[in-house]
Amino acid sequence: MLIWYSTMDAAVNPMHVPELLQEVAAFVDDPRDLSSFAQIDRLTHAVVTPRLFRCIELPLESVESLAVALRNDPGRAAACRSLSFLRPHILKAVTAEDTAVLDRWNVDLISVFSAIATHGQLVSLTWRSPLYRRRANVALSEDAWITISSALGSLTELDIYIPSTEKHIWAPISRVHFTQLRVFRLNLSGAHGWDCALLQQTLDSLYLLEELALNFPLCCGPRGITLASTHPHLRRFSFISCSLVEESDFLARHPGLESLYLETEQSFCSGTDASSPKMLRALSTDETSLDSSETLMTYPIIHLCLREIDMDDEYIMGNWCADVVCAVARTLRCLELDLGGLHDVPISPSVAGLLSTAPALAEVTIIRRKRLPLPPNWASNLLTGLLAAIAPATTLRAVRLCCEEALPEERLQDLGPLPPRLKYIGWDVGSTTLVYVIERRGDKNVVANTLTRLSTDDWATEGVLPFMGESWTDW
């Protein structure tokens, strides 16, 4: 259709109205489609090209192409709102040639962020720093980071991974005055013993934060982090770290928290009811994290994810998991179980008893990773085991499974007996996420429709029912 429009007479062609072209371009999300759209004719190119620079996503090794485009026309940087630098391919070794590559990256990054800083319109930055096979003192220059930091003051979202080789960037970033930052995700998983007092000062100044994610080493975390900051609007908090302080009242100072991800020995609860967020509805935890903050289970959790569950451990499967689920059974609607264990049985028989302790479930997810090669019929047996663990009278509306193998097509042609309310099966393999819509045909339950679901890095939004426009609590 776009080609047909381009051959129409300009006097009557509505697509030669710049405002209409902008409206159409606003509905094109894929950069490749947008680029093709921009090639129709000169007018379309002039109108649509700025939108190509609105949301940029590329590996850091491709920064040269962006730098060249902005050097040729610095005004294009005015359109840039979102910039995502993904991790490049792993370099085999640190050599003189690699150093030359880094030098080019430094020059190109300075060009890109200098142009962006001139306009002050950048609102989102995702940064995945280069990763090297050898641990060597090779990193981007401090001059590059000073220029990068000069463009960050307008951000509302910052998602950044900083490897151990780039410890020197703290000074430039700590000098940024973030006035609008609402989402801050920081991965410092290599910050063993770092002095992060400047980071704590930055956290203390982020009054508008709605989401905070901190990823520190699990063995020996950074120094200077006190967890003493308060963010009045904070709704989501993720914390991966060893214990940094003896005890923290961080959760008590953020009663509006709705979603919490913990992988830590850090204690966030003093053992009193006042030490838990009042609005908490989604919780992802493992045994260690929950044992350090037990009172979290006294609140009405709707979405619960239990991670690193060893199916070979009878106490974990038969006691700990059951006690946790039972504690929130009255409100629990979505349960995720990340199951481990090296044996070939996809689903432990204990899962059936576990599900029976939460009678009001609307959705259940089983995450079952196993190293290849997989036994024969692994995926099919995983589904069979889960369906067998579900009571016939269950209220379940959806099940979702994450494994390393696609579900065979023939398994979808007859799913066997199903609970009457079960309508959806989600299936995730790597980056492929599908939803199978079930209907009854004659005496068979079969898949009537298959939908592709976008995967995200957000554990709290991966549910099948929200994707299908249904709520865990509506029915």
Protein backbone atom coordinates (compact mmCIF):
# COMPACT_ATOMS: atom_id res chain seq x y z
CA MET A 1 0.00 0.00 0.00
CA LEU A 2 2.84 2.37 0.73
CA ILE A 3 4.18 1.86 -2.81
CA TRP A 4 0.72 2.56 -4.26
CA TYR A 5 0.54 5.81 -2.32
CA SER A 6 3.94 6.89 -3.59
CA THR A 7 2.83 6.62 -7.22
CA MET A 8 -0.29 8.71 -6.75
CA ASP A 9 -0.45 12.29 -7.98
CA ALA A 10 0.97 14.59 -5.30
CA ALA A 11 -1.96 16.97 -5.60
CA VAL A 12 -4.45 14.34 -4.42
CA ASN A 13 -2.23 12.01 -2.42
CA PRO A 14 -3.11 12.36 1.28
CA MET A 15 0.17 10.66 2.17
CA HIS A 16 2.04 13.69 0.91
CA VAL A 17 0.71 15.68 3.85
CA PRO A 18 3.58 15.77 6.40
CA GLU A 19 1.24 15.63 9.40
CA LEU A 20 -0.38 12.44 8.09
CA LEU A 21 3.00 10.88 7.40
CA GLN A 22 4.01 11.60 10.99
CA GLU A 23 0.82 9.99 12.27
CA VAL A 24 1.43 6.84 10.21
CA ALA A 25 5.09 6.67 11.28
CA ALA A 26 4.02 6.86 14.92
CA PHE A 27 2.34 3.44 14.54
CA VAL A 28 5.43 1.73 13.06
CA ASP A 29 7.46 0.18 15.88
CA ASP A 30 9.97 -1.99 14.01
CA PRO A 31 13.02 0.14 13.00
CA ARG A 32 13.46 -1.92 9.83
CA ASP A 33 9.90 -1.22 8.71
CA LEU A 34 10.34 2.43 9.59
CA SER A 35 13.54 2.57 7.56
CA SER A 36 11.77 1.03 4.55
CA PHE A 37 8.94 3.52 4.97
CA ALA A 38 11.41 6.39 4.88
CA GLN A 39 12.73 5.27 1.47
CA ILE A 40 9.46 5.78 -0.42
CA ASP A 41 10.27 9.26 -1.69
CA ARG A 42 12.05 12.44 -0.67
CA LEU A 43 9.16 13.90 1.31
CA THR A 44 8.60 10.71 3.25
CA HIS A 45 12.34 10.46 3.93
CA ALA A 46 12.46 14.02 5.27
CA VAL A 47 9.41 13.51 7.51
CA VAL A 48 10.03 9.97 8.75
CA THR A 49 13.83 9.92 9.19
CA PRO A 50 13.80 11.89 12.49
CA ARG A 51 11.60 9.18 13.97
CA LEU A 52 14.34 6.63 13.24
CA PHE A 53 16.40 8.45 15.86
CA ARG A 54 13.65 8.58 18.48
CA CYS A 55 14.24 5.08 19.89
CA ILE A 56 17.67 3.67 19.05
CA GLU A 57 18.75 0.15 19.95
CA LEU A 58 22.09 -1.24 18.81
CA PRO A 59 25.11 -3.14 20.10
CA LEU A 60 27.97 -1.02 21.29
CA GLU A 61 30.14 -2.37 18.49
CA SER A 62 27.82 -0.60 16.01
CA VAL A 63 28.12 2.83 17.59
CA GLU A 64 30.21 4.05 14.63
CA SER A 65 27.18 4.07 12.31
CA LEU A 66 25.21 6.23 14.77
CA ALA A 67 28.18 8.54 15.29
CA VAL A 68 28.57 9.06 11.53
CA ALA A 69 24.87 9.85 11.15
CA LEU A 70 24.98 12.45 13.91
CA ARG A 71 28.21 13.98 12.66
CA ASN A 72 26.61 14.42 9.22
CA ASP A 73 23.48 15.96 10.75
CA PRO A 74 23.78 16.83 14.48
CA GLY A 75 20.20 18.07 14.47
CA ARG A 76 18.98 14.49 14.30
CA ALA A 77 19.98 14.08 17.95
CA ALA A 78 17.08 16.36 18.91
CA ALA A 79 14.67 13.51 18.16
CA CYS A 80 16.47 10.97 20.37
CA ARG A 81 14.41 10.00 23.42
CA SER A 82 15.49 6.41 24.09
CA LEU A 83 18.94 4.92 23.58
CA SER A 84 19.87 1.29 24.23
CA PHE A 85 23.43 0.05 23.88
CA LEU A 86 23.45 -3.73 24.06
CA ARG A 87 26.45 -5.86 24.94
CA PRO A 88 28.68 -6.56 21.91
CA HIS A 89 30.12 -9.91 20.96
CA ILE A 90 32.69 -11.17 23.45
CA LEU A 91 36.22 -10.31 22.36
CA LYS A 92 38.49 -13.36 22.33
CA ALA A 93 41.43 -11.56 23.90
CA VAL A 94 42.68 -8.16 24.90
CA THR A 95 45.17 -7.19 22.22
CA ALA A 96 46.56 -4.06 20.62
CA GLU A 97 43.83 -4.37 18.01
CA ASP A 98 41.16 -4.46 20.72
CA THR A 99 42.65 -1.33 22.25
CA ALA A 100 42.26 0.37 18.88
CA VAL A 101 38.62 -0.73 18.86
CA LEU A 102 38.11 0.84 22.28
CA ASP A 103 39.76 4.04 21.10
CA ARG A 104 37.28 4.25 18.22
CA TRP A 105 34.38 3.55 20.59
CA ASN A 106 35.55 6.35 22.86
CA VAL A 107 35.67 8.83 19.96
CA ASP A 108 32.30 7.71 18.60
CA LEU A 109 30.58 7.75 21.99
CA ILE A 110 31.86 11.26 22.63
CA SER A 111 30.37 12.34 19.28
CA VAL A 112 27.01 10.69 19.98
CA PHE A 113 26.51 11.95 23.52
CA SER A 114 27.85 15.42 22.75
CA ALA A 115 25.13 15.78 20.10
CA ILE A 116 22.45 14.39 22.43
CA ALA A 117 23.54 16.59 25.35
CA THR A 118 23.14 19.69 23.20
CA HIS A 119 19.37 19.12 23.03
CA GLY A 120 18.77 17.60 26.49
CA GLN A 121 15.89 15.42 25.29
CA LEU A 122 17.11 11.93 26.22
CA VAL A 123 14.71 10.25 28.67
CA SER A 124 15.82 6.59 28.64
CA LEU A 125 19.27 4.96 28.53
CA THR A 126 20.04 1.25 28.64
CA TRP A 127 23.75 0.51 28.87
CA ARG A 128 25.34 -2.92 28.57
CA SER A 129 29.08 -2.38 28.79
CA PRO A 130 31.52 -4.51 26.74
CA LEU A 131 32.47 -7.84 28.29
CA TYR A 132 35.92 -9.32 27.89
CA ARG A 133 36.97 -12.94 28.07
CA ARG A 134 40.09 -12.05 30.03
CA ARG A 135 40.04 -10.00 33.20
CA ALA A 136 42.16 -7.05 32.15
CA ASN A 137 42.28 -3.38 32.88
CA VAL A 138 40.58 -2.41 29.63
CA ALA A 139 37.65 -0.01 29.70
CA LEU A 140 36.15 3.06 28.12
CA SER A 141 37.96 6.27 28.92
CA GLU A 142 36.96 8.66 31.67
CA ASP A 143 36.60 11.40 29.01
CA ALA A 144 33.97 9.27 27.29
CA TRP A 145 32.11 8.80 30.57
CA ILE A 146 32.25 12.52 31.32
CA THR A 147 30.57 13.19 27.96
CA ILE A 148 28.04 10.40 28.47
CA SER A 149 27.16 11.78 31.90
CA SER A 150 26.59 15.23 30.43
CA ALA A 151 23.55 13.88 28.56
CA LEU A 152 21.93 12.06 31.49
CA GLY A 153 20.37 14.86 33.52
CA SER A 154 17.07 14.66 31.60
CA LEU A 155 16.63 10.90 32.10
CA THR A 156 13.49 9.40 33.58
CA GLU A 157 14.85 5.83 33.16
CA LEU A 158 18.42 4.53 33.57
CA ASP A 159 19.27 0.84 33.21
CA ILE A 160 23.03 0.37 33.44
CA TYR A 161 25.49 -2.50 33.87
CA ILE A 162 28.99 -1.54 35.00
CA PRO A 163 31.70 -4.24 34.98
CA SER A 164 34.62 -4.33 37.37
CA THR A 165 36.94 -2.80 34.74
CA GLU A 166 34.99 0.47 34.73
CA LYS A 167 35.10 1.45 38.38
CA HIS A 168 36.41 4.86 37.34
CA ILE A 169 33.05 6.03 35.99
CA TRP A 170 31.64 6.72 39.47
CA ALA A 171 32.93 10.28 39.63
CA PRO A 172 31.25 11.42 36.35
CA ILE A 173 27.93 9.71 37.13
CA SER A 174 27.83 10.88 40.75
CA ARG A 175 27.99 14.47 39.53
CA VAL A 176 24.83 14.09 37.43
CA HIS A 177 21.88 15.95 38.91
CA PHE A 178 18.95 13.63 38.16
CA THR A 179 15.81 15.73 38.51
CA GLN A 180 13.33 13.45 36.71
CA LEU A 181 14.62 9.90 37.27
CA ARG A 182 11.79 7.47 37.96
CA VAL A 183 13.34 4.11 37.05
CA PHE A 184 16.88 3.21 38.16
CA ARG A 185 18.26 -0.27 37.47
CA LEU A 186 21.90 -0.68 38.44
CA ASN A 187 23.93 -3.86 37.93
CA LEU A 188 27.20 -3.81 39.88
CA SER A 189 27.59 -7.58 40.15
CA GLY A 190 31.37 -7.19 39.91
CA ALA A 191 31.67 -4.50 42.58
CA HIS A 192 33.54 -6.61 45.15
CA GLY A 193 34.44 -4.29 48.00
CA TRP A 194 33.96 -1.10 45.98
CA ASP A 195 33.53 2.17 47.82
CA CYS A 196 30.01 3.17 46.75
CA ALA A 197 29.42 6.06 49.15
CA LEU A 198 28.90 8.33 46.13
CA LEU A 199 26.19 5.97 44.89
CA GLN A 200 24.44 6.25 48.23
CA GLN A 201 24.50 10.05 47.89
CA THR A 202 22.93 9.71 44.44
CA LEU A 203 20.23 7.40 45.80
CA ASP A 204 19.48 9.87 48.58
CA SER A 205 18.64 12.53 45.99
CA LEU A 206 16.23 10.49 43.82
CA TYR A 207 12.92 11.64 45.27
CA LEU A 208 10.80 10.73 42.23
CA LEU A 209 11.87 7.08 41.95
CA GLU A 210 9.08 4.59 41.25
CA GLU A 211 11.34 1.59 40.54
CA LEU A 212 14.75 0.73 41.99
CA ALA A 213 16.81 -2.37 41.16
CA LEU A 214 20.22 -2.92 42.77
CA ASN A 215 22.40 -5.89 41.79
CA PHE A 216 25.55 -6.31 43.89
CA PRO A 217 27.86 -9.32 44.47
CA LEU A 218 26.43 -12.10 46.62
CA CYS A 219 29.79 -12.81 48.28
CA CYS A 220 31.28 -9.44 49.24
CA GLY A 221 29.25 -6.41 48.30
CA PRO A 222 30.24 -2.76 48.01
CA ARG A 223 31.07 -0.49 50.94
CA GLY A 224 29.21 2.71 51.74
CA ILE A 225 25.70 1.51 50.86
CA THR A 226 23.50 2.16 53.88
CA LEU A 227 20.04 1.53 52.38
CA ALA A 228 19.07 4.70 54.23
CA SER A 229 17.47 6.55 51.33
CA THR A 230 13.73 7.18 51.16
CA HIS A 231 11.73 7.43 47.95
CA PRO A 232 8.12 8.50 48.59
CA HIS A 233 6.81 7.17 45.26
CA LEU A 234 8.65 3.84 45.15
CA ARG A 235 6.44 0.97 43.95
CA ARG A 236 8.94 -1.64 42.74
CA PHE A 237 12.16 -2.76 44.42
CA SER A 238 14.67 -5.45 43.40
CA PHE A 239 17.68 -6.28 45.56
CA ILE A 240 20.42 -8.83 44.82
CA SER A 241 23.31 -8.73 47.27
CA CYS A 242 24.98 -10.15 50.32
CA SER A 243 24.02 -8.55 53.61
CA LEU A 244 25.27 -4.94 53.57
CA VAL A 245 24.03 -3.67 56.94
CA GLU A 246 22.99 -5.47 60.10
CA GLU A 247 19.33 -4.69 59.55
CA SER A 248 17.47 -2.27 57.31
CA ASP A 249 14.10 -0.59 57.70
CA PHE A 250 14.09 0.24 53.95
CA LEU A 251 10.83 -1.64 53.38
CA ALA A 252 9.17 -0.03 56.37
CA ARG A 253 10.01 3.40 54.95
CA HIS A 254 8.36 2.48 51.65
CA PRO A 255 4.83 1.34 52.53
CA GLY A 256 3.68 1.91 48.92
CA LEU A 257 5.81 -0.93 47.52
CA GLU A 258 3.73 -3.20 45.30
CA SER A 259 6.41 -5.49 43.81
CA LEU A 260 9.49 -6.93 45.50
CA TYR A 261 12.32 -9.14 44.20
CA LEU A 262 14.83 -10.41 46.76
CA GLU A 263 17.97 -12.51 46.41
CA THR A 264 19.87 -11.74 49.57
CA GLU A 265 20.70 -12.51 53.18
CA GLN A 266 19.96 -8.88 54.05
CA SER A 267 17.30 -8.53 56.72
CA PHE A 268 14.55 -6.08 55.78
CA CYS A 269 12.15 -6.94 58.60
CA SER A 270 12.68 -6.50 62.29
CA GLY A 271 10.08 -9.13 63.07
CA THR A 272 7.19 -6.73 63.53
CA ASP A 273 4.17 -6.13 61.37
CA ALA A 274 5.29 -2.55 60.80
CA SER A 275 8.36 -3.71 58.89
CA SER A 276 6.53 -4.78 55.73
CA PRO A 277 5.12 -2.67 52.89
CA LYS A 278 1.35 -2.29 53.17
CA MET A 279 0.65 -2.45 49.42
CA LEU A 280 2.86 -5.44 48.59
CA ARG A 281 1.09 -7.73 46.11
CA ALA A 282 3.90 -9.32 44.04
CA LEU A 283 6.86 -11.11 45.66
CA SER A 284 9.73 -13.07 44.08
CA THR A 285 11.99 -14.76 46.62
CA ASP A 286 14.12 -17.76 47.48
CA GLU A 287 14.39 -19.59 50.79
CA THR A 288 17.34 -17.55 52.10
CA SER A 289 15.74 -14.20 51.30
CA LEU A 290 12.42 -15.09 52.87
CA ASP A 291 14.02 -16.54 55.99
CA SER A 292 15.78 -13.18 56.44
CA SER A 293 12.48 -11.25 56.20
CA GLU A 294 9.79 -13.64 57.37
CA THR A 295 7.08 -11.08 58.08
CA LEU A 296 6.69 -10.42 54.35
CA MET A 297 4.36 -13.43 54.31
CA THR A 298 1.86 -11.70 56.59
CA TYR A 299 0.59 -9.51 53.75
CA PRO A 300 -1.95 -10.25 51.02
CA ILE A 301 0.33 -11.50 48.22
CA ILE A 302 -1.45 -12.02 44.90
CA HIS A 303 1.56 -12.99 42.74
CA LEU A 304 4.21 -15.20 44.36
CA CYS A 305 7.36 -16.54 42.69
CA LEU A 306 9.43 -19.12 44.62
CA ARG A 307 12.87 -19.54 43.05
CA GLU A 308 15.62 -22.16 43.24
CA ILE A 309 13.42 -24.93 44.58
CA ASP A 310 15.33 -28.22 44.66
CA MET A 311 12.89 -31.02 43.92
CA ASP A 312 15.36 -33.50 45.45
CA ASP A 313 15.06 -31.78 48.83
CA GLU A 314 12.06 -33.32 50.56
CA TYR A 315 11.97 -30.63 53.24
CA ILE A 316 11.85 -27.81 50.69
CA MET A 317 9.16 -29.45 48.56
CA GLY A 318 7.09 -30.95 51.32
CA ASN A 319 7.39 -28.40 54.11
CA TRP A 320 8.92 -25.02 53.32
CA CYS A 321 7.09 -24.40 50.03
CA ALA A 322 3.81 -25.65 51.44
CA ASP A 323 4.11 -23.42 54.51
CA VAL A 324 4.86 -20.34 52.38
CA VAL A 325 2.00 -20.96 49.97
CA CYS A 326 -0.38 -21.75 52.80
CA ALA A 327 0.51 -18.46 54.51
CA VAL A 328 -0.82 -16.45 51.55
CA ALA A 329 -3.37 -18.94 50.22
CA ARG A 330 -6.33 -16.68 50.94
CA THR A 331 -5.17 -14.00 48.49
CA LEU A 332 -2.81 -15.92 46.16
CA ARG A 333 -3.93 -15.94 42.52
CA CYS A 334 -0.68 -16.48 40.58
CA LEU A 335 2.04 -18.92 41.71
CA GLU A 336 5.41 -19.42 40.00
CA LEU A 337 7.69 -22.31 40.92
CA ASP A 338 11.27 -22.37 39.69
CA LEU A 339 12.09 -26.05 40.08
CA GLY A 340 15.59 -27.55 40.09
CA GLY A 341 16.98 -31.05 40.51
CA LEU A 342 18.98 -33.28 38.20
CA HIS A 343 16.69 -36.29 37.93
CA ASP A 344 14.67 -36.98 34.79
CA VAL A 345 11.22 -36.56 36.31
CA PRO A 346 9.95 -33.17 35.02
CA ILE A 347 7.46 -32.60 37.86
CA SER A 348 7.76 -33.79 41.44
CA PRO A 349 4.67 -35.52 42.92
CA SER A 350 4.90 -32.97 45.76
CA VAL A 351 3.67 -30.26 43.36
CA ALA A 352 0.15 -31.69 43.49
CA GLY A 353 -0.02 -31.25 47.26
CA LEU A 354 1.52 -27.81 46.96
CA LEU A 355 -1.11 -26.58 44.50
CA SER A 356 -3.91 -27.94 46.67
CA THR A 357 -2.90 -25.56 49.47
CA ALA A 358 -3.92 -22.55 47.33
CA PRO A 359 -7.53 -23.22 46.29
CA ALA A 360 -8.14 -19.83 44.63
CA LEU A 361 -5.31 -19.91 42.10
CA ALA A 362 -6.05 -18.43 38.69
CA GLU A 363 -2.64 -19.07 37.11
CA VAL A 364 0.37 -21.26 37.85
CA THR A 365 3.82 -21.19 36.24
CA ILE A 366 6.41 -23.96 36.30
CA ILE A 367 9.95 -22.95 35.39
CA ARG A 368 11.90 -26.13 34.69
CA ARG A 369 15.40 -25.76 33.28
CA LYS A 370 17.52 -28.80 32.54
CA ARG A 371 20.82 -29.09 30.75
CA LEU A 372 20.74 -30.66 27.32
CA PRO A 373 20.53 -33.35 26.11
CA LEU A 374 17.00 -33.83 27.36
CA PRO A 375 15.38 -37.22 27.85
CA PRO A 376 12.86 -38.31 25.18
CA ASN A 377 9.49 -36.52 25.33
CA TRP A 378 10.73 -34.14 28.03
CA ALA A 379 8.41 -31.26 27.07
CA SER A 380 5.38 -33.49 26.63
CA ASN A 381 6.02 -35.18 29.98
CA LEU A 382 6.42 -31.79 31.64
CA LEU A 383 2.94 -30.75 30.50
CA THR A 384 1.48 -34.14 31.38
CA GLY A 385 3.00 -33.98 34.85
CA LEU A 386 1.64 -30.52 35.51
CA LEU A 387 -1.86 -31.36 34.29
CA ALA A 388 -1.83 -34.48 36.46
CA ALA A 389 -0.90 -32.35 39.48
CA ILE A 390 -3.92 -30.10 39.00
CA ALA A 391 -7.08 -31.14 40.78
CA PRO A 392 -10.14 -31.54 38.49
CA ALA A 393 -12.10 -28.97 40.49
CA THR A 394 -9.38 -26.35 40.38
CA THR A 395 -10.16 -22.71 39.66
CA LEU A 396 -7.09 -22.42 37.41
CA ARG A 397 -7.65 -20.40 34.26
CA ALA A 398 -4.10 -20.57 32.88
CA VAL A 399 -0.89 -22.55 33.23
CA ARG A 400 2.51 -21.49 31.93
CA LEU A 401 5.62 -23.60 31.48
CA CYS A 402 9.20 -22.50 30.83
CA CYS A 403 11.58 -25.20 29.67
CA GLU A 404 14.31 -25.95 27.14
CA GLU A 405 12.19 -27.74 24.55
CA ALA A 406 9.22 -26.78 22.37
CA LEU A 407 5.97 -28.63 22.84
CA PRO A 408 5.45 -31.19 20.03
CA GLU A 409 2.64 -30.33 17.64
CA GLU A 410 0.98 -33.71 18.06
CA ARG A 411 0.65 -33.11 21.81
CA LEU A 412 -1.58 -30.11 21.06
CA GLN A 413 -4.09 -32.18 19.09
CA ASP A 414 -5.44 -33.89 22.19
CA LEU A 415 -4.55 -32.44 25.57
CA GLY A 416 -6.50 -35.08 27.43
CA PRO A 417 -8.86 -34.39 30.37
CA LEU A 418 -8.59 -30.80 31.62
CA PRO A 419 -10.16 -28.84 34.47
CA PRO A 420 -13.29 -27.15 33.10
CA ARG A 421 -12.04 -23.60 33.74
CA LEU A 422 -8.58 -24.05 32.19
CA LYS A 423 -8.49 -21.94 29.02
CA TYR A 424 -4.83 -21.07 28.29
CA ILE A 425 -1.45 -22.77 28.22
CA GLY A 426 1.62 -20.53 28.05
CA TRP A 427 4.83 -22.05 26.72
CA ASP A 428 8.22 -20.31 26.91
CA VAL A 429 11.38 -21.63 25.25
CA GLY A 430 14.23 -19.13 25.26
CA SER A 431 12.94 -15.95 23.65
CA THR A 432 9.93 -17.73 22.11
CA THR A 433 6.79 -17.21 24.18
CA LEU A 434 3.48 -18.65 23.04
CA VAL A 435 -0.04 -18.85 24.41
CA TYR A 436 -2.22 -21.78 23.36
CA VAL A 437 -5.97 -21.10 23.53
CA ILE A 438 -7.91 -24.26 24.37
CA GLU A 439 -11.37 -25.27 23.26
CA ARG A 440 -13.35 -28.49 23.46
CA ARG A 441 -14.07 -30.25 20.16
CA GLY A 442 -16.20 -33.31 20.54
CA ASP A 443 -14.58 -35.38 23.27
CA LYS A 444 -11.17 -33.74 22.90
CA ASN A 445 -9.49 -30.68 24.39
CA VAL A 446 -7.43 -29.17 21.59
CA VAL A 447 -5.52 -25.96 20.85
CA ALA A 448 -7.81 -23.74 18.80
CA ASN A 449 -5.45 -20.76 18.46
CA THR A 450 -1.79 -19.96 19.09
CA LEU A 451 -0.71 -16.44 20.03
CA THR A 452 2.80 -15.01 20.22
CA ARG A 453 3.50 -13.15 23.44
CA LEU A 454 6.26 -10.59 23.81
CA SER A 455 8.80 -11.63 26.42
CA THR A 456 10.16 -9.12 28.91
CA ASP A 457 12.80 -8.99 31.62
CA ASP A 458 10.13 -8.10 34.16
CA TRP A 459 9.08 -11.17 36.13
CA ALA A 460 5.94 -9.42 37.43
CA THR A 461 4.42 -8.86 33.97
CA GLU A 462 4.97 -12.27 32.37
CA GLY A 463 1.55 -13.71 33.24
CA VAL A 464 -0.72 -15.26 30.62
CA LEU A 465 -3.98 -13.85 31.96
CA PRO A 466 -2.87 -10.19 31.86
CA PHE A 467 -1.67 -10.81 28.29
CA MET A 468 -5.12 -12.12 27.41
CA GLY A 469 -6.76 -9.06 28.92
CA GLU A 470 -7.97 -10.87 32.03
CA SER A 471 -7.20 -10.14 35.65
CA TRP A 472 -6.13 -12.66 38.26
CA THR A 473 -8.82 -11.28 40.57
CA ASP A 474 -11.73 -10.49 38.24
CA TRP A 475 -13.49 -13.80 38.10
